[in-house]
Amino acid sequence: MSILASIRQNAMGLGLFAVLTAGVIAITQLVTAPRISENERQYQAKLLFDILPLANETMLNTPRSLAQFSDVALLGTDQDAEYFMDADTGDIILPVVAPDGYTESIRMLVGISRDGTVTGVRVVTHKETPGLGDRIELKKSPWILQFDGVSLFAPVEEQWAVAKDGGAFDQMSGATITPRAIVSAVHHSLLFYRNHQAALLGETE
């Protein structure tokens, strides 16, 4: 067999292998997509109930659009984002993204009561450094619980920073960028709530 024929034959073999591999990957994604989606939904539900223990399935199944708010960028999200509200209490849960994490954006849920007090913060996804920045996860550390009960006025504006920057919030030993990102994102969510409380609760703004 000539060198040219051998190259052609090898190229065809590689091409066929690539096509078959792509097909297997596509089929696998198609088959597993519903399961992944359901797992993500269940995980989000767990976080929602962590933040608002008295919430119910109705709240989870009836998200509300943030499309009407022109300054939704304060939350780090886009116009397609949705939030949740407990119709009985007026408590809401906002999707919030901290764009300035150590490695990439940190996606969170921030619960806010009708009076503007944070009911809880939970991290949904992140890729922060294992053993350092990943302590923003509740299963790794109670650090995230320090936001429970805070508001725009407690602490005061000047104290919305980590301790290293003269603020009221603890940082993590060996990791400052990640806590800074979280503190800033939670603060922005409270500013957004203050600006649009009535509209978020379905009242006249």
Protein backbone atom coordinates (compact mmCIF):
# COMPACT_ATOMS: atom_id res chain seq x y z
CA MET A 1 0.00 0.00 0.00
CA SER A 2 1.37 3.42 -0.95
CA ILE A 3 2.01 6.11 1.64
CA LEU A 4 -0.74 8.28 0.12
CA ALA A 5 -3.28 5.44 0.30
CA SER A 6 -2.28 4.71 3.89
CA ILE A 7 -2.73 8.35 4.88
CA ARG A 8 -6.13 8.43 3.18
CA GLN A 9 -7.23 5.25 4.93
CA ASN A 10 -6.08 6.53 8.33
CA ALA A 11 -7.82 9.84 7.76
CA MET A 12 -11.07 8.08 6.91
CA GLY A 13 -10.76 5.92 10.00
CA LEU A 14 -10.17 8.95 12.22
CA GLY A 15 -13.08 10.76 10.61
CA LEU A 16 -15.41 7.84 11.22
CA PHE A 17 -14.23 7.58 14.82
CA ALA A 18 -14.88 11.29 15.34
CA VAL A 19 -18.40 11.02 13.92
CA LEU A 20 -19.22 8.00 16.09
CA THR A 21 -17.80 9.71 19.20
CA ALA A 22 -19.81 12.86 18.53
CA GLY A 23 -22.92 10.75 18.07
CA VAL A 24 -22.43 8.91 21.34
CA ILE A 25 -21.87 12.20 23.20
CA ALA A 26 -24.98 13.75 21.63
CA ILE A 27 -27.13 10.76 22.54
CA THR A 28 -25.76 10.70 26.08
CA GLN A 29 -26.54 14.39 26.54
CA LEU A 30 -30.03 13.90 25.15
CA VAL A 31 -30.72 11.00 27.50
CA THR A 32 -29.24 12.60 30.63
CA ALA A 33 -30.53 16.18 30.10
CA PRO A 34 -33.93 15.59 31.77
CA ARG A 35 -32.26 13.92 34.76
CA ILE A 36 -29.75 16.75 35.12
CA SER A 37 -32.54 19.31 34.86
CA GLU A 38 -34.56 17.55 37.55
CA ASN A 39 -31.52 17.28 39.83
CA GLU A 40 -30.87 21.00 39.41
CA ARG A 41 -34.52 21.74 40.18
CA GLN A 42 -34.42 19.63 43.34
CA TYR A 43 -31.20 21.27 44.48
CA GLN A 44 -32.65 24.74 43.90
CA ALA A 45 -35.77 23.71 45.81
CA LYS A 46 -33.63 22.63 48.75
CA LEU A 47 -31.87 25.99 48.77
CA LEU A 48 -35.18 27.84 48.55
CA PHE A 49 -36.54 25.97 51.54
CA ASP A 50 -33.28 26.58 53.43
CA ILE A 51 -33.79 30.32 52.98
CA LEU A 52 -37.56 30.35 53.52
CA PRO A 53 -38.49 27.28 55.60
CA LEU A 54 -42.21 28.06 55.35
CA ALA A 55 -42.20 28.28 51.54
CA ASN A 56 -44.21 25.77 49.53
CA GLU A 57 -44.27 24.01 46.17
CA THR A 58 -46.57 26.66 44.73
CA MET A 59 -43.87 29.26 45.24
CA LEU A 60 -41.30 27.03 43.56
CA ASN A 61 -43.56 26.33 40.59
CA THR A 62 -44.59 29.95 39.98
CA PRO A 63 -41.43 31.99 39.43
CA ARG A 64 -41.83 35.65 38.47
CA SER A 65 -40.01 37.48 35.72
CA LEU A 66 -37.44 40.24 36.29
CA ALA A 67 -37.81 41.43 32.68
CA GLN A 68 -39.62 44.64 33.66
CA PHE A 69 -36.67 45.98 35.63
CA SER A 70 -34.19 47.99 33.58
CA ASP A 71 -31.52 47.88 36.30
CA VAL A 72 -31.57 44.09 36.74
CA ALA A 73 -27.81 44.27 36.11
CA LEU A 74 -27.54 45.23 39.79
CA LEU A 75 -28.20 41.56 40.48
CA GLY A 76 -25.60 40.48 37.94
CA THR A 77 -28.30 38.60 35.99
CA ASP A 78 -30.02 39.26 32.66
CA GLN A 79 -33.60 40.15 31.72
CA ASP A 80 -34.58 36.47 31.44
CA ALA A 81 -33.95 35.83 35.13
CA GLU A 82 -36.79 34.90 37.49
CA TYR A 83 -37.39 35.35 41.20
CA PHE A 84 -39.67 33.68 43.72
CA MET A 85 -42.17 35.15 46.16
CA ASP A 86 -44.11 33.73 49.08
CA ALA A 87 -47.58 35.20 48.51
CA ASP A 88 -48.52 34.75 52.18
CA THR A 89 -45.59 36.62 53.72
CA GLY A 90 -44.27 38.81 50.91
CA ASP A 91 -40.81 37.31 51.35
CA ILE A 92 -38.90 36.95 48.08
CA ILE A 93 -35.83 35.13 46.80
CA LEU A 94 -33.70 36.83 44.16
CA PRO A 95 -31.23 35.17 41.80
CA VAL A 96 -27.94 37.01 42.24
CA VAL A 97 -24.60 36.68 40.47
CA ALA A 98 -21.29 37.90 41.89
CA PRO A 99 -19.27 38.49 38.70
CA ASP A 100 -15.97 39.05 40.48
CA GLY A 101 -15.29 35.70 42.13
CA TYR A 102 -11.72 34.43 42.26
CA THR A 103 -12.12 32.11 39.27
CA GLU A 104 -15.48 32.98 37.71
CA SER A 105 -18.96 34.25 38.56
CA ILE A 106 -20.65 32.97 41.72
CA ARG A 107 -24.38 32.26 41.41
CA MET A 108 -26.48 32.66 44.53
CA LEU A 109 -29.99 32.94 45.89
CA VAL A 110 -30.69 35.82 48.29
CA GLY A 111 -33.82 35.78 50.43
CA ILE A 112 -35.28 39.12 51.51
CA SER A 113 -38.26 39.64 53.81
CA ARG A 114 -40.93 42.27 53.21
CA ASP A 115 -39.17 44.66 55.60
CA GLY A 116 -35.88 44.44 53.68
CA THR A 117 -34.06 42.04 55.98
CA VAL A 118 -32.02 39.21 54.50
CA THR A 119 -33.56 35.85 55.40
CA GLY A 120 -30.66 33.85 54.00
CA VAL A 121 -28.04 33.52 51.29
CA ARG A 122 -27.07 30.29 49.54
CA VAL A 123 -24.52 29.64 46.81
CA VAL A 124 -25.91 27.73 43.84
CA THR A 125 -22.80 27.31 41.67
CA HIS A 126 -19.18 28.42 41.88
CA LYS A 127 -15.64 27.32 41.03
CA GLU A 128 -13.75 28.90 43.89
CA THR A 129 -10.55 27.37 45.22
CA PRO A 130 -11.11 24.11 47.15
CA GLY A 131 -10.21 24.51 50.83
CA LEU A 132 -10.30 28.31 50.59
CA GLY A 133 -13.00 30.07 48.59
CA ASP A 134 -15.30 27.06 48.58
CA ARG A 135 -16.08 27.75 52.23
CA ILE A 136 -18.92 29.90 50.90
CA GLU A 137 -20.82 26.59 50.73
CA LEU A 138 -22.83 25.93 53.88
CA LYS A 139 -21.74 22.28 53.92
CA LYS A 140 -18.11 23.43 54.13
CA SER A 141 -18.47 26.32 56.57
CA PRO A 142 -21.12 28.43 58.38
CA TRP A 143 -19.55 31.59 56.89
CA ILE A 144 -22.54 32.36 54.65
CA LEU A 145 -24.87 32.48 57.67
CA GLN A 146 -23.46 35.84 58.77
CA PHE A 147 -25.79 37.51 56.26
CA ASP A 148 -28.92 36.29 58.04
CA GLY A 149 -30.76 39.28 59.47
CA VAL A 150 -28.70 42.05 57.86
CA SER A 151 -30.24 44.94 55.92
CA LEU A 152 -29.18 48.10 54.12
CA PHE A 153 -29.03 49.89 57.45
CA ALA A 154 -27.59 47.17 59.65
CA PRO A 155 -24.71 47.36 59.11
CA VAL A 156 -24.56 50.95 57.90
CA GLU A 157 -23.46 51.71 54.34
CA GLU A 158 -19.79 52.23 55.22
CA GLN A 159 -19.63 48.81 56.89
CA TRP A 160 -20.71 46.82 53.84
CA ALA A 161 -17.27 45.33 53.29
CA VAL A 162 -15.06 42.58 54.68
CA ALA A 163 -13.14 43.22 57.89
CA LYS A 164 -9.85 43.58 56.01
CA ASP A 165 -11.36 46.60 54.24
CA GLY A 166 -12.76 48.06 57.45
CA GLY A 167 -16.18 46.45 57.10
CA ALA A 168 -18.49 44.40 59.29
CA PHE A 169 -18.20 41.04 57.54
CA ASP A 170 -15.71 38.31 58.31
CA GLN A 171 -13.41 37.23 55.53
CA MET A 172 -11.83 33.81 55.15
CA SER A 173 -8.27 33.06 56.12
CA GLY A 174 -6.29 32.93 52.90
CA ALA A 175 -9.22 34.03 50.73
CA THR A 176 -10.35 37.65 50.48
CA ILE A 177 -11.50 38.03 46.87
CA THR A 178 -14.35 35.54 47.24
CA PRO A 179 -15.85 37.10 50.41
CA ARG A 180 -15.58 40.56 48.86
CA ALA A 181 -17.55 39.35 45.85
CA ILE A 182 -20.29 37.83 48.02
CA VAL A 183 -20.62 40.89 50.28
CA SER A 184 -20.90 43.18 47.27
CA ALA A 185 -23.49 40.98 45.55
CA VAL A 186 -25.69 40.74 48.67
CA HIS A 187 -25.48 44.51 49.10
CA HIS A 188 -26.53 45.03 45.49
CA SER A 189 -29.51 42.72 45.96
CA LEU A 190 -30.70 44.85 48.88
CA LEU A 191 -30.30 48.01 46.82
CA PHE A 192 -32.35 46.41 44.04
CA TYR A 193 -35.06 45.41 46.52
CA ARG A 194 -35.18 48.92 47.96
CA ASN A 195 -35.57 50.38 44.46
CA HIS A 196 -38.38 48.02 43.41
CA GLN A 197 -40.05 46.66 46.53
CA ALA A 198 -43.59 47.49 45.46
CA ALA A 199 -43.20 46.07 41.94
CA LEU A 200 -41.48 42.93 43.18
CA LEU A 201 -44.34 42.30 45.59
CA GLY A 202 -46.93 42.91 42.87
CA GLU A 203 -48.04 46.21 44.35
CA THR A 204 -48.14 49.66 42.74
CA GLU A 205 -44.64 51.14 42.43
